[in-house]
Protein backbone atom coordinates (compact mmCIF):
# COMPACT_ATOMS: atom_id res chain seq x y z
CA MET A 1 7.20 -17.82 -36.03
CA ARG A 2 9.45 -20.80 -36.47
CA LYS A 3 8.69 -24.09 -34.75
CA GLY A 4 11.39 -23.52 -32.12
CA GLU A 5 10.01 -20.07 -31.30
CA LEU A 6 6.49 -21.44 -31.03
CA THR A 7 7.65 -24.19 -28.70
CA ARG A 8 9.54 -21.71 -26.52
CA ALA A 9 6.49 -19.43 -26.35
CA ALA A 10 4.29 -22.37 -25.36
CA ILE A 11 6.74 -23.39 -22.64
CA VAL A 12 6.83 -19.86 -21.22
CA ALA A 13 3.03 -19.57 -21.29
CA THR A 14 2.66 -22.85 -19.39
CA ALA A 15 5.42 -21.90 -16.95
CA LEU A 16 3.67 -18.58 -16.34
CA GLU A 17 0.45 -20.37 -15.46
CA MET A 18 2.25 -22.81 -13.16
CA SER A 19 4.20 -20.03 -11.44
CA ALA A 20 1.01 -18.12 -10.69
CA ARG A 21 -0.16 -21.07 -8.59
CA ALA A 22 3.10 -22.40 -7.13
CA GLY A 23 5.36 -19.35 -7.26
CA LEU A 24 8.58 -18.98 -9.19
CA GLU A 25 10.38 -21.17 -6.67
CA GLY A 26 7.77 -23.87 -7.17
CA LEU A 27 8.50 -23.97 -10.88
CA THR A 28 10.60 -27.02 -11.77
CA ILE A 29 11.89 -28.26 -15.08
CA GLY A 30 10.57 -31.73 -14.32
CA ALA A 31 7.01 -30.62 -13.63
CA LEU A 32 7.05 -28.31 -16.62
CA ALA A 33 8.37 -31.03 -18.93
CA GLU A 34 5.64 -33.38 -17.73
CA ARG A 35 2.98 -30.74 -18.29
CA MET A 36 4.34 -30.02 -21.79
CA ARG A 37 4.78 -33.74 -22.53
CA MET A 38 8.40 -33.09 -23.30
CA SER A 39 11.67 -34.45 -21.97
CA LYS A 40 13.70 -32.40 -19.51
CA SER A 41 16.45 -32.12 -22.11
CA GLY A 42 13.85 -30.78 -24.55
CA VAL A 43 12.95 -27.99 -22.14
CA PHE A 44 16.62 -27.28 -21.43
CA ALA A 45 17.20 -26.94 -25.17
CA HIS A 46 15.21 -23.70 -25.00
CA PHE A 47 16.46 -22.50 -21.61
CA GLY A 48 19.95 -23.00 -20.30
CA SER A 49 18.85 -23.16 -16.68
CA ARG A 50 15.86 -22.88 -14.37
CA GLU A 51 16.93 -19.31 -13.62
CA ASP A 52 16.77 -18.44 -17.33
CA LEU A 53 13.27 -19.92 -17.44
CA GLN A 54 12.18 -17.94 -14.37
CA ILE A 55 13.45 -14.70 -15.90
CA ALA A 56 11.64 -15.49 -19.16
CA VAL A 57 8.44 -15.99 -17.15
CA LEU A 58 8.89 -12.60 -15.46
CA LYS A 59 9.42 -10.88 -18.80
CA ALA A 60 6.29 -12.54 -20.19
CA TYR A 61 4.34 -11.42 -17.14
CA GLU A 62 5.59 -7.86 -17.58
CA ARG A 63 4.50 -7.81 -21.24
CA ARG A 64 1.00 -8.90 -20.26
CA PHE A 65 0.95 -6.32 -17.48
CA VAL A 66 1.83 -3.55 -19.90
CA ASP A 67 -0.67 -4.77 -22.49
CA ASP A 68 -3.49 -5.09 -19.94
CA ILE A 69 -2.92 -1.89 -17.95
CA LEU A 70 -0.65 0.70 -19.47
CA VAL A 71 -1.42 0.39 -23.19
CA PRO A 72 -5.24 0.72 -22.82
CA ALA A 73 -4.79 3.63 -20.39
CA LEU A 74 -2.83 5.56 -23.03
CA THR A 75 -6.06 5.94 -25.01
CA GLU A 76 -7.39 8.15 -22.19
CA PRO A 77 -6.61 11.90 -22.14
CA ARG A 78 -3.40 12.79 -20.37
CA GLY A 79 -4.03 13.77 -16.76
CA LEU A 80 -6.57 12.48 -14.26
CA PRO A 81 -8.52 10.30 -16.76
CA ARG A 82 -5.32 8.40 -17.64
CA LEU A 83 -4.19 8.12 -14.02
CA ARG A 84 -7.61 6.86 -12.97
CA ALA A 85 -7.63 4.33 -15.84
CA ILE A 86 -4.23 2.99 -14.77
CA GLY A 87 -5.31 2.71 -11.15
CA GLU A 88 -8.65 1.07 -11.89
CA ARG A 89 -7.15 -1.45 -14.32
CA CYS A 90 -4.43 -2.28 -11.81
CA LEU A 91 -7.01 -2.95 -9.11
CA GLU A 92 -9.12 -5.09 -11.43
CA ARG A 93 -6.11 -7.16 -12.46
CA THR A 94 -5.00 -7.56 -8.85
CA ALA A 95 -8.43 -8.86 -7.82
CA ILE A 96 -8.39 -11.38 -10.68
CA GLU A 97 -4.83 -12.52 -10.02
CA ALA A 98 -5.46 -12.86 -6.29
CA ALA A 99 -7.80 -15.73 -7.07
CA ARG A 100 -5.12 -17.68 -8.94
CA GLY A 101 -1.90 -16.17 -7.64
CA CYS A 102 0.13 -13.09 -8.54
CA ILE A 103 3.73 -13.70 -9.60
CA LEU A 104 4.70 -10.13 -8.81
CA ILE A 105 3.46 -10.21 -5.22
CA SER A 106 4.43 -13.80 -4.44
CA GLY A 107 7.83 -13.20 -6.03
CA ALA A 108 8.42 -10.26 -3.70
CA SER A 109 8.15 -12.54 -0.66
CA GLU A 110 10.19 -15.29 -2.33
CA TYR A 111 13.10 -13.09 -3.41
CA ASP A 112 13.10 -10.08 -1.10
CA ASP A 113 16.23 -11.38 0.66
CA ARG A 114 17.70 -13.57 -2.08
CA PRO A 115 20.22 -11.76 -4.27
CA GLY A 116 20.57 -12.91 -7.85
CA ALA A 117 19.39 -12.43 -11.40
CA VAL A 118 15.74 -13.32 -10.67
CA ARG A 119 15.52 -10.80 -7.85
CA ASP A 120 17.19 -8.15 -10.03
CA GLU A 121 14.64 -8.75 -12.77
CA LEU A 122 11.76 -8.57 -10.31
CA VAL A 123 13.03 -5.33 -8.77
CA ALA A 124 13.50 -3.79 -12.22
CA MET A 125 9.90 -4.67 -13.11
CA VAL A 126 8.46 -3.07 -9.99
CA ARG A 127 10.56 0.06 -10.36
CA SER A 128 9.58 0.37 -14.03
CA TRP A 129 5.88 0.11 -13.09
CA GLN A 130 6.31 2.69 -10.34
CA ARG A 131 8.05 5.08 -12.77
CA GLU A 132 5.14 4.83 -15.19
CA LEU A 133 2.67 5.48 -12.40
CA ALA A 134 4.71 8.46 -11.15
CA ARG A 135 4.80 9.84 -14.70
CA ALA A 136 0.99 9.67 -14.90
CA ILE A 137 0.75 11.45 -11.55
CA ARG A 138 3.06 14.26 -12.71
CA GLN A 139 1.01 14.63 -15.88
CA ALA A 140 -2.18 14.90 -13.82
CA ALA A 141 -0.53 17.64 -11.76
CA ASP A 142 0.67 19.40 -14.93
CA THR A 143 -2.88 19.50 -16.31
CA GLY A 144 -4.12 21.10 -13.09
CA ALA A 145 -6.19 18.11 -11.95
CA LEU A 146 -3.92 17.36 -9.01
CA ASP A 147 -2.27 19.73 -6.58
CA PRO A 148 1.07 20.79 -8.14
CA ALA A 149 2.67 20.18 -4.74
CA THR A 150 1.74 16.50 -4.91
CA ASP A 151 4.69 14.22 -4.25
CA PRO A 152 4.48 11.45 -6.90
CA GLY A 153 6.49 9.08 -4.74
CA GLU A 154 4.09 9.51 -1.83
CA LEU A 155 1.06 8.88 -4.03
CA VAL A 156 2.69 5.82 -5.64
CA PHE A 157 3.47 4.47 -2.17
CA ALA A 158 -0.14 4.89 -1.05
CA LEU A 159 -1.59 3.33 -4.21
CA TYR A 160 0.78 0.38 -3.96
CA GLY A 161 -0.43 -0.12 -0.41
CA ILE A 162 -4.03 -0.34 -1.63
CA VAL A 163 -2.99 -2.96 -4.19
CA LEU A 164 -1.26 -5.09 -1.56
CA VAL A 165 -4.21 -4.91 0.85
CA LEU A 166 -6.59 -5.81 -1.98
CA HIS A 167 -4.52 -8.90 -2.77
CA HIS A 168 -4.34 -9.85 0.93
CA ASP A 169 -8.06 -9.43 1.58
CA THR A 170 -9.08 -11.18 -1.62
CA ARG A 171 -6.69 -14.13 -1.49
CA LEU A 172 -6.33 -14.75 2.24
CA LEU A 173 -9.58 -13.46 3.72
CA HIS A 174 -11.84 -14.13 0.70
CA ASN A 175 -13.50 -10.78 1.31
CA PRO A 176 -16.07 -10.29 -1.50
CA ASP A 177 -16.10 -6.52 -0.95
CA ALA A 178 -12.32 -6.14 -1.20
CA ILE A 179 -12.37 -4.75 -4.75
CA GLY A 180 -15.13 -2.27 -3.84
CA ARG A 181 -13.20 -1.06 -0.82
CA ALA A 182 -10.04 -0.76 -2.89
CA ARG A 183 -11.80 1.35 -5.50
CA ARG A 184 -13.25 3.64 -2.85
CA ALA A 185 -9.86 3.97 -1.18
CA PHE A 186 -8.30 4.86 -4.54
CA GLU A 187 -10.89 7.58 -5.16
CA ARG A 188 -10.39 9.00 -1.67
CA LEU A 189 -6.66 9.00 -2.29
CA LEU A 190 -7.09 11.01 -5.48
CA ASP A 191 -9.48 13.39 -3.73
CA THR A 192 -6.89 14.25 -1.09
CA HIS A 193 -4.48 15.34 -3.84
CA ARG A 194 -6.87 17.25 -6.07
CA ALA A 195 -5.90 20.79 -6.99
CA PRO A 196 -7.58 23.39 -4.75
CA PRO A 197 -10.10 25.83 -6.26
CA THR A 198 -8.58 28.89 -7.90
CA GLY A 199 -7.41 31.37 -5.30
CA VAL A 200 -7.39 28.87 -2.45
CA ARG A 201 -4.02 27.76 -1.17
CA ALA A 202 -3.76 24.04 -0.58
CA PRO A 203 -2.50 23.05 2.88
CA LYS A 204 1.00 21.65 2.91
CA PRO A 205 1.45 18.00 3.99
CA HIS A 206 2.50 18.91 7.55
CA GLU A 207 -0.45 21.31 7.80
CA ARG A 208 -2.85 18.54 6.77
CA SER A 209 -1.50 16.35 9.56
CA ILE A 210 -1.91 19.11 12.15
CA SER A 211 -5.46 19.83 10.94
CA SER A 212 -6.47 16.18 11.16
CA GLN A 213 -5.33 16.05 14.80
CA ASN A 214 -7.45 19.07 15.84
């Protein structure tokens, strides 16, 4: 890499670390320049605006997310082993990031009602992650591990809920058992969608609800 590319990469890495603690809105060119021992104009030479810097931080976060969660999971057999690997790695990463701050979760509260390029990038990241998770769920159903009637969107919604509660309980409540509870909740979630034994018809979603009330 050329010197300019190395400097830009170092700026993004530092900005990523700062954003994890202070949020994307807490990231300022002045504080970043001071941390990098550079002038503000030196930082601006690599990024035309603070918004450009924030988007670069999000892209860097997404690359790390893919490298830490999705890429290792692809070494697992397609189906339930891969889906479980994705879920477990996601929970582990969430527990770690909760201790220092998660850009993805904090960014959701910062930009949920603020239209603009940063929000668009954040939404695209979440939707991309959810598509990958839904693909793994469909593959697990195709291999016969999960009920073929499983709604991937419903399962993604439930898993995302576990992730958010894990972050909440770890970061706000400092619950030491949060990761254990999250793992058990994830396993119970998979169990409810497992394919029924051969010859046994799985209850439809509305039938499950009626059964649970009786």
